[in-house]
N, C-alpha and C. Protein backbone atom coordinates (compact mmCIF):
# COMPACT_ATOMS: atom_id res chain seq x y z
N MET A 1 12.35 17.00 -19.45
CA MET A 1 11.27 16.22 -19.01
C MET A 1 11.31 16.06 -17.53
N LYS A 2 11.49 17.14 -16.83
CA LYS A 2 11.51 17.08 -15.32
C LYS A 2 10.24 16.63 -14.71
N LEU A 3 9.10 16.81 -15.38
CA LEU A 3 7.80 16.29 -14.89
C LEU A 3 7.89 14.79 -14.57
N PHE A 4 8.68 14.07 -15.28
CA PHE A 4 8.70 12.59 -15.20
C PHE A 4 9.96 12.06 -14.56
N GLU A 5 10.67 12.85 -13.81
CA GLU A 5 11.95 12.44 -13.19
C GLU A 5 11.79 11.17 -12.31
N ASN A 6 10.71 11.14 -11.53
CA ASN A 6 10.45 10.08 -10.58
C ASN A 6 9.62 8.91 -11.16
N MET A 7 9.25 9.02 -12.41
CA MET A 7 8.44 8.01 -13.02
C MET A 7 9.24 7.20 -14.03
N THR A 8 8.83 5.93 -14.21
CA THR A 8 9.39 5.10 -15.21
C THR A 8 8.95 5.64 -16.58
N GLN A 9 9.84 5.95 -17.49
CA GLN A 9 9.48 6.45 -18.72
C GLN A 9 9.24 5.31 -19.74
N ALA A 10 8.12 5.41 -20.50
CA ALA A 10 7.98 4.49 -21.58
C ALA A 10 8.98 4.71 -22.68
N ARG A 11 9.48 3.64 -23.17
CA ARG A 11 10.48 3.72 -24.23
C ARG A 11 10.15 2.72 -25.34
N PRO A 12 10.70 2.89 -26.50
CA PRO A 12 10.43 1.95 -27.57
C PRO A 12 10.74 0.50 -27.15
N PHE A 13 9.85 -0.39 -27.42
CA PHE A 13 10.10 -1.78 -26.98
C PHE A 13 10.65 -2.57 -28.13
N ILE A 14 10.79 -1.94 -29.32
CA ILE A 14 11.31 -2.62 -30.48
C ILE A 14 12.48 -1.78 -30.95
N LYS A 15 13.67 -2.44 -30.99
CA LYS A 15 14.78 -1.70 -31.51
C LYS A 15 14.76 -1.77 -33.06
N TRP A 16 14.75 -0.56 -33.68
CA TRP A 16 14.51 -0.45 -35.07
C TRP A 16 15.70 0.27 -35.68
N VAL A 17 16.28 -0.24 -36.81
CA VAL A 17 17.44 0.44 -37.35
C VAL A 17 17.20 1.88 -37.73
N VAL A 18 16.08 2.20 -38.18
CA VAL A 18 15.76 3.57 -38.60
C VAL A 18 14.95 4.30 -37.46
N GLY A 19 15.20 3.92 -36.21
CA GLY A 19 14.47 4.52 -35.14
C GLY A 19 14.68 6.03 -35.05
N LYS A 20 13.68 6.65 -34.36
CA LYS A 20 13.68 8.13 -34.22
C LYS A 20 14.22 8.59 -32.82
N THR A 21 14.66 7.71 -32.03
CA THR A 21 15.08 8.14 -30.67
C THR A 21 16.14 9.30 -30.72
N GLN A 22 17.05 9.10 -31.63
CA GLN A 22 18.10 10.09 -31.77
C GLN A 22 17.64 11.46 -32.24
N LEU A 23 16.41 11.52 -32.76
CA LEU A 23 15.80 12.74 -33.31
C LEU A 23 14.88 13.48 -32.34
N LEU A 24 14.74 13.00 -31.15
CA LEU A 24 13.81 13.61 -30.25
C LEU A 24 14.09 15.02 -29.99
N ASP A 25 15.34 15.48 -29.84
CA ASP A 25 15.66 16.83 -29.58
C ASP A 25 15.28 17.69 -30.76
N GLU A 26 15.46 17.24 -31.96
CA GLU A 26 15.00 17.93 -33.18
C GLU A 26 13.55 18.07 -33.22
N VAL A 27 12.84 17.03 -32.82
CA VAL A 27 11.33 17.07 -32.84
C VAL A 27 10.91 18.15 -31.81
N ARG A 28 11.46 18.11 -30.64
CA ARG A 28 11.17 19.11 -29.60
C ARG A 28 11.38 20.52 -30.13
N LYS A 29 12.53 20.73 -30.75
CA LYS A 29 12.83 22.09 -31.31
C LYS A 29 11.84 22.53 -32.43
N SER A 30 11.23 21.59 -33.10
CA SER A 30 10.33 21.93 -34.20
C SER A 30 8.91 22.24 -33.74
N LEU A 31 8.60 21.94 -32.47
CA LEU A 31 7.30 22.24 -31.97
C LEU A 31 7.07 23.69 -31.68
N PRO A 32 5.87 24.20 -31.86
CA PRO A 32 5.61 25.62 -31.50
C PRO A 32 6.00 25.92 -30.02
N LEU A 33 6.40 27.11 -29.74
CA LEU A 33 6.84 27.45 -28.37
C LEU A 33 5.71 27.33 -27.40
N ASP A 34 4.47 27.52 -27.81
CA ASP A 34 3.39 27.41 -26.87
C ASP A 34 2.66 26.01 -26.92
N PHE A 35 3.34 25.07 -27.42
CA PHE A 35 2.75 23.72 -27.59
C PHE A 35 2.21 23.15 -26.31
N ALA A 36 2.97 23.31 -25.24
CA ALA A 36 2.59 22.76 -23.92
C ALA A 36 1.29 23.36 -23.41
N SER A 37 0.92 24.55 -23.82
CA SER A 37 -0.24 25.23 -23.33
C SER A 37 -1.46 25.15 -24.28
N ARG A 38 -1.26 24.55 -25.41
CA ARG A 38 -2.38 24.41 -26.38
C ARG A 38 -3.32 23.35 -25.89
N GLN A 39 -4.60 23.47 -26.35
CA GLN A 39 -5.56 22.50 -25.92
C GLN A 39 -6.03 21.76 -27.18
N HIS A 40 -6.75 20.64 -26.92
CA HIS A 40 -7.38 19.80 -27.97
C HIS A 40 -6.40 19.36 -29.02
N ILE A 41 -5.21 18.93 -28.56
CA ILE A 41 -4.16 18.44 -29.45
C ILE A 41 -4.39 17.00 -29.84
N THR A 42 -4.25 16.64 -31.07
CA THR A 42 -4.25 15.31 -31.46
C THR A 42 -2.88 15.02 -32.15
N TYR A 43 -2.17 14.02 -31.61
CA TYR A 43 -0.84 13.61 -32.10
C TYR A 43 -1.13 12.57 -33.18
N VAL A 44 -0.48 12.82 -34.33
CA VAL A 44 -0.55 11.88 -35.51
C VAL A 44 0.76 11.40 -35.88
N ASP A 45 1.01 10.11 -35.87
CA ASP A 45 2.33 9.56 -36.29
C ASP A 45 2.05 8.53 -37.40
N PRO A 46 2.36 8.88 -38.69
CA PRO A 46 2.08 8.00 -39.74
C PRO A 46 3.01 6.78 -39.86
N PHE A 47 4.16 6.85 -39.23
CA PHE A 47 5.19 5.79 -39.24
C PHE A 47 5.62 5.58 -37.82
N VAL A 48 4.83 4.92 -36.98
CA VAL A 48 5.16 4.88 -35.57
C VAL A 48 6.40 4.08 -35.19
N GLY A 49 6.64 3.06 -36.04
CA GLY A 49 7.84 2.24 -35.77
C GLY A 49 7.82 1.66 -34.37
N GLY A 50 8.90 1.88 -33.62
CA GLY A 50 9.00 1.36 -32.23
C GLY A 50 8.31 2.34 -31.27
N GLY A 51 7.88 3.48 -31.69
CA GLY A 51 7.10 4.38 -30.79
C GLY A 51 7.94 5.42 -30.10
N ALA A 52 9.21 5.60 -30.44
CA ALA A 52 10.04 6.50 -29.71
C ALA A 52 9.48 7.89 -29.53
N VAL A 53 9.00 8.52 -30.66
CA VAL A 53 8.44 9.84 -30.62
C VAL A 53 7.11 9.83 -29.91
N MET A 54 6.29 8.76 -30.21
CA MET A 54 4.94 8.76 -29.52
C MET A 54 5.10 8.67 -28.02
N PHE A 55 5.94 7.75 -27.53
CA PHE A 55 6.08 7.58 -26.07
C PHE A 55 6.65 8.87 -25.44
N TRP A 56 7.62 9.49 -26.08
CA TRP A 56 8.21 10.71 -25.58
C TRP A 56 7.19 11.80 -25.50
N ILE A 57 6.55 12.07 -26.65
CA ILE A 57 5.61 13.25 -26.68
C ILE A 57 4.39 13.10 -25.85
N LEU A 58 3.85 11.91 -25.69
CA LEU A 58 2.72 11.72 -24.86
C LEU A 58 3.09 11.90 -23.38
N GLN A 59 4.29 11.62 -22.99
CA GLN A 59 4.67 11.82 -21.62
C GLN A 59 5.07 13.24 -21.33
N ALA A 60 5.71 13.91 -22.31
CA ALA A 60 6.18 15.26 -22.14
C ALA A 60 5.09 16.27 -22.21
N TYR A 61 4.05 15.98 -22.96
CA TYR A 61 2.95 16.88 -23.19
C TYR A 61 1.64 16.28 -22.81
N PRO A 62 1.26 16.36 -21.49
CA PRO A 62 -0.04 15.71 -21.11
C PRO A 62 -1.27 16.42 -21.68
N ASN A 63 -1.05 17.59 -22.34
CA ASN A 63 -2.18 18.31 -23.02
C ASN A 63 -2.60 17.62 -24.30
N ILE A 64 -1.90 16.61 -24.75
CA ILE A 64 -2.31 15.89 -25.94
C ILE A 64 -3.46 14.94 -25.49
N GLU A 65 -4.61 15.17 -26.17
CA GLU A 65 -5.86 14.44 -25.80
C GLU A 65 -6.01 13.10 -26.60
N ARG A 66 -5.47 13.02 -27.74
CA ARG A 66 -5.66 11.89 -28.58
C ARG A 66 -4.43 11.57 -29.39
N ALA A 67 -4.24 10.32 -29.62
CA ALA A 67 -3.08 9.86 -30.50
C ALA A 67 -3.57 9.02 -31.63
N VAL A 68 -3.16 9.25 -32.80
CA VAL A 68 -3.45 8.42 -33.97
C VAL A 68 -2.23 7.97 -34.56
N ILE A 69 -2.05 6.59 -34.58
CA ILE A 69 -0.76 6.06 -35.10
C ILE A 69 -1.07 5.14 -36.25
N ASN A 70 -0.09 4.96 -37.09
CA ASN A 70 -0.15 4.02 -38.23
C ASN A 70 1.20 3.32 -38.32
N GLU A 71 1.14 2.14 -38.90
CA GLU A 71 2.32 1.33 -39.12
C GLU A 71 2.12 0.49 -40.33
N SER A 72 3.11 0.52 -41.25
CA SER A 72 2.90 -0.20 -42.46
C SER A 72 3.38 -1.67 -42.36
N ILE A 73 4.23 -1.98 -41.34
CA ILE A 73 4.68 -3.37 -41.19
C ILE A 73 3.66 -4.11 -40.27
N LYS A 74 3.02 -5.14 -40.93
CA LYS A 74 1.86 -5.79 -40.22
C LYS A 74 2.19 -6.31 -38.84
N ARG A 75 3.35 -6.90 -38.67
CA ARG A 75 3.62 -7.48 -37.37
C ARG A 75 3.78 -6.39 -36.28
N ARG A 76 4.37 -5.31 -36.62
CA ARG A 76 4.43 -4.20 -35.64
C ARG A 76 3.10 -3.60 -35.38
N LYS A 77 2.28 -3.48 -36.40
CA LYS A 77 0.92 -2.90 -36.28
C LYS A 77 0.14 -3.83 -35.30
N ALA A 78 0.29 -5.10 -35.46
CA ALA A 78 -0.40 -6.06 -34.58
C ALA A 78 -0.03 -5.89 -33.11
N ILE A 79 1.22 -5.58 -32.87
CA ILE A 79 1.66 -5.37 -31.47
C ILE A 79 0.96 -4.15 -30.86
N PHE A 80 0.86 -3.06 -31.64
CA PHE A 80 0.17 -1.87 -31.10
C PHE A 80 -1.30 -2.13 -30.89
N VAL A 81 -1.91 -2.86 -31.78
CA VAL A 81 -3.32 -3.13 -31.62
C VAL A 81 -3.55 -3.99 -30.36
N ARG A 82 -2.66 -4.97 -30.08
CA ARG A 82 -2.81 -5.74 -28.86
C ARG A 82 -2.52 -4.91 -27.63
N LEU A 83 -1.52 -3.99 -27.70
CA LEU A 83 -1.33 -3.11 -26.56
C LEU A 83 -2.51 -2.20 -26.22
N ARG A 84 -3.15 -1.76 -27.29
CA ARG A 84 -4.33 -0.92 -27.12
C ARG A 84 -5.39 -1.66 -26.38
N LYS A 85 -5.68 -2.87 -26.88
CA LYS A 85 -6.73 -3.80 -26.24
C LYS A 85 -6.36 -4.03 -24.82
N TRP A 86 -5.11 -4.41 -24.60
CA TRP A 86 -4.61 -4.76 -23.20
C TRP A 86 -4.79 -3.51 -22.29
N SER A 87 -4.40 -2.35 -22.74
CA SER A 87 -4.45 -1.17 -21.87
C SER A 87 -5.87 -0.82 -21.46
N LYS A 88 -6.84 -1.14 -22.27
CA LYS A 88 -8.27 -0.84 -21.88
C LYS A 88 -8.75 -1.65 -20.69
N ARG A 89 -8.03 -2.72 -20.39
CA ARG A 89 -8.46 -3.56 -19.26
C ARG A 89 -8.14 -2.88 -17.92
N PHE A 90 -7.21 -1.95 -17.88
CA PHE A 90 -6.76 -1.30 -16.67
C PHE A 90 -7.35 0.08 -16.50
């Protein structure tokens, strides 16, 4: 992630026992080799949790145009809904 060496990286703001932070290297390895050059990418995360994969992939691959996330735990879902509304102000 050399593109973001001088930037503050977004990281999960919720520590979750079953978090995916430790799996980021495996996620990276599973992506197609030309993923960074593909266009019209939509990232879908059905179990966003604390957002480790989402924050990483959206920073590492600026070619992702859209993100669709889901969360089954209502309190965490409410946090992401509030973040989305808050981010539209800026």
